[in-house]
Amino acid sequence: MIRFGVIGFGYWGPNLARNLAETPGARVAAIADLRPERRAAAAARHPGARVGPDPDAVIQDPSVDAIAIATPVESHYALAKAALLAGKHVLVEKPLAASSGHAAELIDLAAARRLVLMVDHTFIYTGAVRAMVGGKDFEQAQFNLATQAHRQAFFKHHDALRVLQCLA
């Protein structure tokens, strides 16, 4: 069972939490949001999760294996870096960071710590995208596209197939 902490329960966080809660082998263990009304919504939808205002409490929680970040882009880098330094796998809503330098730093940090760092691109798993890939091995195609995009300045070229960046 992978226990997730979700940081941000505004626009996209509820979708991430719902999908995680409905995924076999995953559980939403904790949710953080700064706004009291969003915390109330999170607690109502996920009664088994600890809900609070402090993202660092979720990141530092030893019972949490992975962190999903759905916050404004200006906070992505700091939250993702803190989570990686805490030994957590990380899923970040796009874009990964506000600068390619910060993105590269996160990628290098995840690789050095042998952690998964993944950018959530909303439609990457839809039938239409899979059809564009054709009969190829989908996971290998994802990795190849992510690697190519990173090498060619990730933030300038990420629209090609809404690239999934995932390093293990």
C-alpha atoms as a PDB file:
ATOM      1  CA  MET A   1       0.000   0.000   0.000  1.00  0.00           C
ATOM      2  CA  ILE A   2       1.418   3.376  -1.044  1.00  0.00           C
ATOM      3  CA  ARG A   3       0.319   6.131   1.339  1.00  0.00           C
ATOM      4  CA  PHE A   4       0.014   9.534  -0.313  1.00  0.00           C
ATOM      5  CA  GLY A   5       0.046  13.024   1.071  1.00  0.00           C
ATOM      6  CA  VAL A   6      -1.772  15.565  -1.093  1.00  0.00           C
ATOM      7  CA  ILE A   7      -0.640  19.176  -0.851  1.00  0.00           C
ATOM      8  CA  GLY A   8      -3.196  21.586  -2.255  1.00  0.00           C
ATOM      9  CA  PHE A   9      -6.918  20.869  -2.324  1.00  0.00           C
ATOM     10  CA  GLY A  10      -8.056  23.736  -4.532  1.00  0.00           C
ATOM     11  CA  TYR A  11      -8.847  23.240  -8.203  1.00  0.00           C
ATOM     12  CA  TRP A  12      -6.944  20.044  -9.096  1.00  0.00           C
ATOM     13  CA  GLY A  13      -6.076  18.554  -5.702  1.00  0.00           C
ATOM     14  CA  PRO A  14      -9.553  17.040  -5.205  1.00  0.00           C
ATOM     15  CA  ASN A  15      -9.171  15.174  -8.514  1.00  0.00           C
ATOM     16  CA  LEU A  16      -5.777  13.801  -7.506  1.00  0.00           C
ATOM     17  CA  ALA A  17      -7.061  12.757  -4.088  1.00  0.00           C
ATOM     18  CA  ARG A  18     -10.132  11.083  -5.595  1.00  0.00           C
ATOM     19  CA  ASN A  19      -8.088   9.187  -8.158  1.00  0.00           C
ATOM     20  CA  LEU A  20      -5.576   8.089  -5.542  1.00  0.00           C
ATOM     21  CA  ALA A  21      -8.353   6.992  -3.180  1.00  0.00           C
ATOM     22  CA  GLU A  22      -9.913   4.918  -5.961  1.00  0.00           C
ATOM     23  CA  THR A  23      -6.626   3.291  -7.030  1.00  0.00           C
ATOM     24  CA  PRO A  24      -5.982  -0.203  -5.675  1.00  0.00           C
ATOM     25  CA  GLY A  25      -2.779  -0.208  -3.646  1.00  0.00           C
ATOM     26  CA  ALA A  26      -2.916   3.525  -2.881  1.00  0.00           C
ATOM     27  CA  ARG A  27      -4.372   5.416   0.047  1.00  0.00           C
ATOM     28  CA  VAL A  28      -4.711   9.135   0.795  1.00  0.00           C
ATOM     29  CA  ALA A  29      -3.123   9.424   4.240  1.00  0.00           C
ATOM     30  CA  ALA A  30      -2.844  13.200   4.625  1.00  0.00           C
ATOM     31  CA  ILE A  31      -4.004  16.400   2.939  1.00  0.00           C
ATOM     32  CA  ALA A  32      -2.707  19.935   3.461  1.00  0.00           C
ATOM     33  CA  ASP A  33      -4.275  23.174   2.286  1.00  0.00           C
ATOM     34  CA  LEU A  34      -3.879  26.695   3.650  1.00  0.00           C
ATOM     35  CA  ARG A  35      -7.552  27.592   3.274  1.00  0.00           C
ATOM     36  CA  PRO A  36      -9.977  26.444   6.005  1.00  0.00           C
ATOM     37  CA  GLU A  37     -12.849  25.931   3.551  1.00  0.00           C
ATOM     38  CA  ARG A  38     -10.705  23.640   1.380  1.00  0.00           C
ATOM     39  CA  ARG A  39      -9.586  21.677   4.446  1.00  0.00           C
ATOM     40  CA  ALA A  40     -13.239  21.224   5.388  1.00  0.00           C
ATOM     41  CA  ALA A  41     -13.984  19.913   1.894  1.00  0.00           C
ATOM     42  CA  ALA A  42     -10.996  17.553   2.079  1.00  0.00           C
ATOM     43  CA  ALA A  43     -12.059  16.201   5.465  1.00  0.00           C
ATOM     44  CA  ALA A  44     -15.606  15.618   4.217  1.00  0.00           C
ATOM     45  CA  ARG A  45     -14.453  13.761   1.083  1.00  0.00           C
ATOM     46  CA  HIS A  46     -11.591  11.836   2.717  1.00  0.00           C
ATOM     47  CA  PRO A  47     -12.564  11.094   6.321  1.00  0.00           C
ATOM     48  CA  GLY A  48      -9.671   8.643   6.777  1.00  0.00           C
ATOM     49  CA  ALA A  49      -7.016  11.237   5.908  1.00  0.00           C
ATOM     50  CA  ARG A  50      -5.338  13.613   8.339  1.00  0.00           C
ATOM     51  CA  VAL A  51      -6.159  17.126   7.148  1.00  0.00           C
ATOM     52  CA  GLY A  52      -4.324  20.292   8.162  1.00  0.00           C
ATOM     53  CA  PRO A  53      -2.822  23.584   7.005  1.00  0.00           C
ATOM     54  CA  ASP A  54       0.879  22.670   7.083  1.00  0.00           C
ATOM     55  CA  PRO A  55       2.428  21.091   3.982  1.00  0.00           C
ATOM     56  CA  ASP A  56       5.677  20.455   5.868  1.00  0.00           C
ATOM     57  CA  ALA A  57       3.813  18.274   8.368  1.00  0.00           C
ATOM     58  CA  VAL A  58       2.632  16.095   5.476  1.00  0.00           C
ATOM     59  CA  ILE A  59       6.107  16.000   3.918  1.00  0.00           C
ATOM     60  CA  GLN A  60       7.795  15.050   7.201  1.00  0.00           C
ATOM     61  CA  ASP A  61       5.164  12.461   8.180  1.00  0.00           C
ATOM     62  CA  PRO A  62       6.977   9.094   8.310  1.00  0.00           C
ATOM     63  CA  SER A  63       3.762   7.232   7.431  1.00  0.00           C
ATOM     64  CA  VAL A  64       3.545   9.028   4.052  1.00  0.00           C
ATOM     65  CA  ASP A  65       5.405   7.362   1.155  1.00  0.00           C
ATOM     66  CA  ALA A  66       4.699   9.818  -1.662  1.00  0.00           C
ATOM     67  CA  ILE A  67       3.577  13.407  -2.087  1.00  0.00           C
ATOM     68  CA  ALA A  68       1.186  14.780  -4.732  1.00  0.00           C
ATOM     69  CA  ILE A  69       1.546  18.540  -5.214  1.00  0.00           C
ATOM     70  CA  ALA A  70      -1.339  20.567  -6.656  1.00  0.00           C
ATOM     71  CA  THR A  71      -0.466  24.114  -5.634  1.00  0.00           C
ATOM     72  CA  PRO A  72       0.353  27.330  -7.510  1.00  0.00           C
ATOM     73  CA  VAL A  73       3.452  26.928  -9.681  1.00  0.00           C
ATOM     74  CA  GLU A  74       5.563  29.289  -7.592  1.00  0.00           C
ATOM     75  CA  SER A  75       5.482  26.742  -4.749  1.00  0.00           C
ATOM     76  CA  HIS A  76       6.202  23.609  -6.807  1.00  0.00           C
ATOM     77  CA  TYR A  77       9.999  23.754  -6.570  1.00  0.00           C
ATOM     78  CA  ALA A  78      10.228  24.315  -2.808  1.00  0.00           C
ATOM     79  CA  LEU A  79       7.604  21.698  -1.956  1.00  0.00           C
ATOM     80  CA  ALA A  80       8.983  19.091  -4.361  1.00  0.00           C
ATOM     81  CA  LYS A  81      12.547  19.669  -3.154  1.00  0.00           C
ATOM     82  CA  ALA A  82      11.497  19.355   0.490  1.00  0.00           C
ATOM     83  CA  ALA A  83       9.628  16.130  -0.280  1.00  0.00           C
ATOM     84  CA  LEU A  84      12.564  14.623  -2.184  1.00  0.00           C
ATOM     85  CA  LEU A  85      14.953  15.577   0.615  1.00  0.00           C
ATOM     86  CA  ALA A  86      12.556  13.850   3.039  1.00  0.00           C
ATOM     87  CA  GLY A  87      12.825  10.671   0.951  1.00  0.00           C
ATOM     88  CA  LYS A  88       9.376  10.845  -0.638  1.00  0.00           C
ATOM     89  CA  HIS A  89       8.386  10.021  -4.199  1.00  0.00           C
ATOM     90  CA  VAL A  90       6.762  13.080  -5.785  1.00  0.00           C
ATOM     91  CA  LEU A  91       3.984  13.787  -8.273  1.00  0.00           C
ATOM     92  CA  VAL A  92       3.758  17.462  -9.260  1.00  0.00           C
ATOM     93  CA  GLU A  93       1.068  19.111 -11.334  1.00  0.00           C
ATOM     94  CA  LYS A  94       2.473  20.710 -14.463  1.00  0.00           C
ATOM     95  CA  PRO A  95       4.700  22.568 -14.776  1.00  0.00           C
ATOM     96  CA  LEU A  96       7.339  20.912 -12.608  1.00  0.00           C
ATOM     97  CA  ALA A  97       8.874  24.270 -11.672  1.00  0.00           C
ATOM     98  CA  ALA A  98       8.844  27.906 -12.723  1.00  0.00           C
ATOM     99  CA  SER A  99      12.303  27.640 -14.316  1.00  0.00           C
ATOM    100  CA  SER A 100      14.195  25.003 -16.246  1.00  0.00           C
ATOM    101  CA  GLY A 101      17.077  25.350 -13.778  1.00  0.00           C
ATOM    102  CA  HIS A 102      14.837  24.436 -10.858  1.00  0.00           C
ATOM    103  CA  ALA A 103      13.323  21.590 -12.865  1.00  0.00           C
ATOM    104  CA  ALA A 104      16.768  20.200 -13.678  1.00  0.00           C
ATOM    105  CA  GLU A 105      17.768  20.438 -10.011  1.00  0.00           C
ATOM    106  CA  LEU A 106      14.683  18.450  -8.962  1.00  0.00           C
ATOM    107  CA  ILE A 107      15.322  15.827 -11.640  1.00  0.00           C
ATOM    108  CA  ASP A 108      18.934  15.445 -10.517  1.00  0.00           C
ATOM    109  CA  LEU A 109      17.930  15.259  -6.846  1.00  0.00           C
ATOM    110  CA  ALA A 110      15.325  12.571  -7.522  1.00  0.00           C
ATOM    111  CA  ALA A 111      17.787  10.551  -9.583  1.00  0.00           C
ATOM    112  CA  ALA A 112      20.523  10.828  -6.948  1.00  0.00           C
ATOM    113  CA  ARG A 113      18.118   9.625  -4.256  1.00  0.00           C
ATOM    114  CA  ARG A 114      16.568   6.971  -6.514  1.00  0.00           C
ATOM    115  CA  LEU A 115      13.102   8.470  -6.059  1.00  0.00           C
ATOM    116  CA  VAL A 116      10.311   8.852  -8.585  1.00  0.00           C
ATOM    117  CA  LEU A 117       9.633  12.419  -9.697  1.00  0.00           C
ATOM    118  CA  MET A 118       6.662  12.656 -12.027  1.00  0.00           C
ATOM    119  CA  VAL A 119       4.855  15.550 -13.644  1.00  0.00           C
ATOM    120  CA  ASP A 120       1.124  15.053 -14.010  1.00  0.00           C
ATOM    121  CA  HIS A 121      -0.026  15.830 -17.522  1.00  0.00           C
ATOM    122  CA  THR A 122      -3.783  15.522 -17.452  1.00  0.00           C
ATOM    123  CA  PHE A 123      -4.403  13.640 -20.669  1.00  0.00           C
ATOM    124  CA  ILE A 124      -1.264  11.498 -20.981  1.00  0.00           C
ATOM    125  CA  TYR A 125      -3.174   8.260 -20.259  1.00  0.00           C
ATOM    126  CA  THR A 126      -6.195   8.902 -22.468  1.00  0.00           C
ATOM    127  CA  GLY A 127      -7.050   6.718 -25.438  1.00  0.00           C
ATOM    128  CA  ALA A 128      -6.261   9.507 -27.897  1.00  0.00           C
ATOM    129  CA  VAL A 129      -2.690   9.879 -26.633  1.00  0.00           C
ATOM    130  CA  ARG A 130      -2.195   6.125 -26.592  1.00  0.00           C
ATOM    131  CA  ALA A 131      -3.450   5.991 -30.199  1.00  0.00           C
ATOM    132  CA  MET A 132      -0.909   8.663 -31.197  1.00  0.00           C
ATOM    133  CA  VAL A 133       1.861   6.477 -29.780  1.00  0.00           C
ATOM    134  CA  GLY A 134       0.553   3.605 -31.878  1.00  0.00           C
ATOM    135  CA  GLY A 135       1.499   0.002 -31.239  1.00  0.00           C
ATOM    136  CA  LYS A 136       4.696   0.925 -29.414  1.00  0.00           C
ATOM    137  CA  ASP A 137       5.311   0.039 -25.804  1.00  0.00           C
ATOM    138  CA  PHE A 138       3.524   2.953 -24.110  1.00  0.00           C
ATOM    139  CA  GLU A 139       5.715   3.143 -21.016  1.00  0.00           C
ATOM    140  CA  GLN A 140       8.904   3.095 -23.101  1.00  0.00           C
ATOM    141  CA  ALA A 141       7.460   5.776 -25.392  1.00  0.00           C
ATOM    142  CA  GLN A 142       6.647   7.926 -22.344  1.00  0.00           C
ATOM    143  CA  PHE A 143      10.183   7.597 -21.020  1.00  0.00           C
ATOM    144  CA  ASN A 144      11.717   8.315 -24.427  1.00  0.00           C
ATOM    145  CA  LEU A 145       9.569  11.409 -24.902  1.00  0.00           C
ATOM    146  CA  ALA A 146      10.344  12.668 -21.396  1.00  0.00           C
ATOM    147  CA  THR A 147      14.070  12.120 -21.853  1.00  0.00           C
ATOM    148  CA  GLN A 148      14.060  13.836 -25.253  1.00  0.00           C
ATOM    149  CA  ALA A 149      12.079  16.780 -23.914  1.00  0.00           C
ATOM    150  CA  HIS A 150      14.443  17.218 -20.974  1.00  0.00           C
ATOM    151  CA  ARG A 151      17.469  17.178 -23.255  1.00  0.00           C
ATOM    152  CA  GLN A 152      15.905  19.806 -25.508  1.00  0.00           C
ATOM    153  CA  ALA A 153      15.024  22.274 -22.747  1.00  0.00           C
ATOM    154  CA  PHE A 154      11.991  20.704 -21.134  1.00  0.00           C
ATOM    155  CA  PHE A 155       9.885  23.814 -20.727  1.00  0.00           C
ATOM    156  CA  LYS A 156      10.237  24.921 -24.346  1.00  0.00           C
ATOM    157  CA  HIS A 157       9.194  21.591 -25.851  1.00  0.00           C
ATOM    158  CA  HIS A 158       6.880  19.899 -23.364  1.00  0.00           C
ATOM    159  CA  ASP A 159       3.723  20.323 -25.460  1.00  0.00           C
ATOM    160  CA  ALA A 160       4.766  17.442 -27.727  1.00  0.00           C
ATOM    161  CA  LEU A 161       2.401  14.809 -26.364  1.00  0.00           C
ATOM    162  CA  ARG A 162       2.134  16.634 -23.007  1.00  0.00           C
ATOM    163  CA  VAL A 163       5.283  14.851 -21.944  1.00  0.00           C
ATOM    164  CA  LEU A 164       5.361  12.769 -18.810  1.00  0.00           C
ATOM    165  CA  GLN A 165       8.595  13.282 -16.911  1.00  0.00           C
ATOM    166  CA  CYS A 166       9.270  10.291 -14.696  1.00  0.00           C
ATOM    167  CA  LEU A 167      12.590   9.166 -13.289  1.00  0.00           C
ATOM    168  CA  ALA A 168      13.123   6.203 -11.032  1.00  0.00           C
END
